[in-house]
Protein backbone atom coordinates (compact mmCIF):
# COMPACT_ATOMS: atom_id res chain seq x y z
CA UNK A 1 142.39 123.44 111.98
CA UNK A 2 144.73 121.34 109.90
CA UNK A 3 148.39 122.39 110.25
CA UNK A 4 148.83 122.40 106.47
CA UNK A 5 145.95 124.84 106.04
CA UNK A 6 147.27 126.91 108.94
CA UNK A 7 150.59 127.36 107.11
CA UNK A 8 149.47 127.35 103.46
CA UNK A 9 146.68 129.91 103.60
CA UNK A 10 148.81 132.79 104.93
CA UNK A 11 151.57 131.96 102.44
CA UNK A 12 149.14 132.02 99.51
CA UNK A 13 147.46 135.20 100.77
CA UNK A 14 150.65 137.10 101.58
CA UNK A 15 151.30 138.58 98.10
CA UNK A 16 147.72 139.84 97.91
CA UNK A 17 147.83 141.40 101.37
CA UNK A 18 151.16 143.12 100.72
CA UNK A 19 150.17 144.27 97.23
CA UNK A 20 146.75 145.44 98.45
CA UNK A 21 148.23 147.54 101.23
CA UNK A 22 150.76 148.94 98.78
CA UNK A 23 147.96 149.90 96.37
CA UNK A 24 146.06 151.70 99.12
CA UNK A 25 149.11 153.55 100.40
CA UNK A 26 150.87 154.28 97.06
CA UNK A 27 148.25 154.27 94.29
CA UNK A 28 150.53 156.30 92.01
CA UNK A 29 152.86 153.32 91.51
CA UNK A 30 149.97 151.06 90.62
CA UNK A 31 148.38 153.67 88.34
CA UNK A 32 151.73 153.98 86.53
CA UNK A 33 151.75 150.20 85.99
CA UNK A 34 148.21 150.42 84.70
CA UNK A 35 149.17 153.15 82.22
CA UNK A 36 151.56 150.67 80.56
CA UNK A 37 148.70 148.34 79.64
CA UNK A 38 145.95 150.96 79.11
CA UNK A 39 146.60 151.32 75.34
CA UNK A 40 146.29 147.56 74.89
CA UNK A 41 143.06 147.50 76.87
CA UNK A 42 141.66 150.34 74.76
CA UNK A 43 142.40 148.32 71.62
CA UNK A 44 140.38 145.49 73.16
CA UNK A 45 137.42 147.82 73.64
CA UNK A 46 137.84 148.85 77.29
CA UNK A 47 136.98 152.56 77.65
CA UNK A 48 139.90 154.87 78.51
CA UNK A 49 140.52 155.41 82.21
CA UNK A 50 141.85 158.69 83.56
CA UNK A 51 144.88 158.73 85.85
CA UNK A 52 142.77 159.90 88.80
CA UNK A 53 140.32 157.08 88.13
CA UNK A 54 143.21 154.61 87.94
CA UNK A 55 144.44 155.79 91.34
CA UNK A 56 140.99 155.42 92.89
CA UNK A 57 140.50 152.02 91.25
CA UNK A 58 143.91 151.00 92.55
CA UNK A 59 142.95 151.99 96.09
CA UNK A 60 139.60 150.22 95.92
CA UNK A 61 141.02 147.04 94.43
CA UNK A 62 143.94 147.17 96.85
CA UNK A 63 141.64 147.42 99.85
CA UNK A 64 139.47 144.67 98.45
CA UNK A 65 142.40 142.28 97.93
CA UNK A 66 143.98 143.12 101.30
CA UNK A 67 140.71 142.35 103.09
CA UNK A 68 140.09 139.15 101.12
CA UNK A 69 143.71 138.08 101.63
CA UNK A 70 143.51 138.69 105.37
CA UNK A 71 140.23 136.76 105.59
CA UNK A 72 141.74 133.88 103.66
CA UNK A 73 144.91 133.86 105.78
CA UNK A 74 142.84 133.80 108.99
CA UNK A 75 140.46 131.11 107.69
CA UNK A 76 137.40 133.39 107.76
CA UNK A 77 135.15 132.33 104.83
CA UNK A 78 138.23 130.86 103.13
CA UNK A 79 136.45 129.53 100.06
CA UNK A 80 134.74 132.86 99.35
CA UNK A 81 137.99 134.73 99.93
CA UNK A 82 139.83 132.30 97.64
CA UNK A 83 137.26 132.88 94.87
CA UNK A 84 137.63 136.63 95.32
CA UNK A 85 141.43 136.49 95.19
CA UNK A 86 141.41 134.12 92.22
CA UNK A 87 139.13 136.46 90.29
CA UNK A 88 141.47 139.42 90.78
CA UNK A 89 144.72 137.45 90.39
CA UNK A 90 144.64 137.33 86.59
CA UNK A 91 144.06 141.08 85.98
CA UNK A 92 146.60 141.99 88.64
CA UNK A 93 149.16 139.60 87.17
CA UNK A 94 148.68 141.00 83.67
CA UNK A 95 148.90 144.62 84.82
CA UNK A 96 151.99 144.03 86.95
CA UNK A 97 153.72 141.81 84.40
CA UNK A 98 152.94 143.09 80.89
CA UNK A 99 155.25 140.79 78.95
CA UNK A 100 154.13 142.25 75.61
CA UNK A 101 155.47 145.71 76.59
CA UNK A 102 158.97 144.51 77.51
CA UNK A 103 161.73 146.38 75.77
CA UNK A 104 164.60 144.07 76.65
CA UNK A 105 165.16 140.36 77.06
CA UNK A 106 165.83 140.81 80.79
CA UNK A 107 162.61 142.75 81.31
CA UNK A 108 160.62 140.15 79.37
CA UNK A 109 162.19 137.40 81.50
CA UNK A 110 161.31 139.27 84.72
CA UNK A 111 157.71 139.73 83.61
CA UNK A 112 157.46 136.08 82.57
CA UNK A 113 158.69 134.95 85.99
CA UNK A 114 156.12 137.24 87.63
CA UNK A 115 153.35 135.68 85.55
CA UNK A 116 154.57 132.21 86.51
CA UNK A 117 154.45 133.12 90.20
CA UNK A 118 150.93 134.47 89.89
CA UNK A 119 149.98 131.32 87.99
CA UNK A 120 151.25 129.19 90.87
CA UNK A 121 149.36 131.29 93.41
CA UNK A 122 146.24 131.10 91.23
CA UNK A 123 146.54 127.30 91.25
CA UNK A 124 146.68 127.29 95.04
CA UNK A 125 143.66 129.58 95.22
CA UNK A 126 141.68 127.40 92.83
CA UNK A 127 142.42 124.38 95.02
CA UNK A 128 141.33 126.38 98.06
CA UNK A 129 137.98 127.20 96.43
CA UNK A 130 137.02 123.52 96.54
CA UNK A 131 138.57 122.70 99.94
CA UNK A 132 135.78 121.63 102.29
CA UNK A 133 138.10 120.56 105.12
CA UNK A 134 137.24 116.90 104.58
CA UNK A 135 133.50 117.47 104.73
CA UNK A 136 131.25 116.27 101.91
CA UNK A 137 129.58 118.78 99.65
CA UNK A 138 125.96 119.78 100.20
CA UNK A 139 125.01 118.12 96.89
CA UNK A 140 126.60 114.84 97.97
CA UNK A 141 124.93 115.00 101.39
CA UNK A 142 121.53 115.63 99.79
CA UNK A 143 121.94 112.76 97.31
CA UNK A 144 123.14 110.47 100.09
CA UNK A 145 120.13 111.38 102.25
CA UNK A 146 117.76 110.72 99.34
CA UNK A 147 119.36 107.34 98.67
CA UNK A 148 119.04 106.38 102.35
CA UNK A 149 115.38 107.44 102.33
CA UNK A 150 114.72 105.18 99.33
CA UNK A 151 116.55 102.28 101.01
CA UNK A 152 114.65 102.87 104.25
CA UNK A 153 111.30 102.90 102.40
CA UNK A 154 112.21 99.64 100.64
CA UNK A 155 113.23 98.02 103.94
CA UNK A 156 109.95 99.11 105.57
CA UNK A 157 108.00 97.79 102.63
CA UNK A 158 109.83 94.44 102.78
CA UNK A 159 109.20 94.23 106.55
CA UNK A 160 105.53 95.01 106.01
CA UNK A 161 105.21 92.29 103.38
CA UNK A 162 107.01 89.77 105.60
CA UNK A 163 104.77 90.64 108.56
CA UNK A 164 101.66 90.33 106.42
CA UNK A 165 102.76 86.94 105.07
CA UNK A 166 103.49 85.72 108.61
CA UNK A 167 100.09 86.91 109.81
CA UNK A 168 98.26 85.28 106.84
CA UNK A 169 100.01 81.93 107.35
């Protein structure tokens, strides 16, 4: 394994692992964060979620992100884990950093910095989703194989024509 991947993956996954474990162990804190954004979600058409449902959803999502983060950090199905983490990064970032609910300039600044951090982590995850460890994609390999087959058929045809011309002469 590349040393850069060995170091970068755990660093990118760390916030998801820590936050996921926290959500499983202390769902009340996460449900409280969710309650801050629930009215805004309801205005967008999302059905209301009860506090008990928010706690259960927090536990489920926390377990999901902790498992995906651990898999990504260990290099087990890293592209799939990166896609999973990237898909939950945006909702988690918005729930944990609701800039629009800030009541003071300091709180707004803290939320903004949190969104920036999640944005940076999301960028790393998006790069990880396309990382094939230097190997070509399956589509490229298939196209390359097809091109070689065409070239091989043309070479055989040219050799056949040359042999036929030599035999006829």
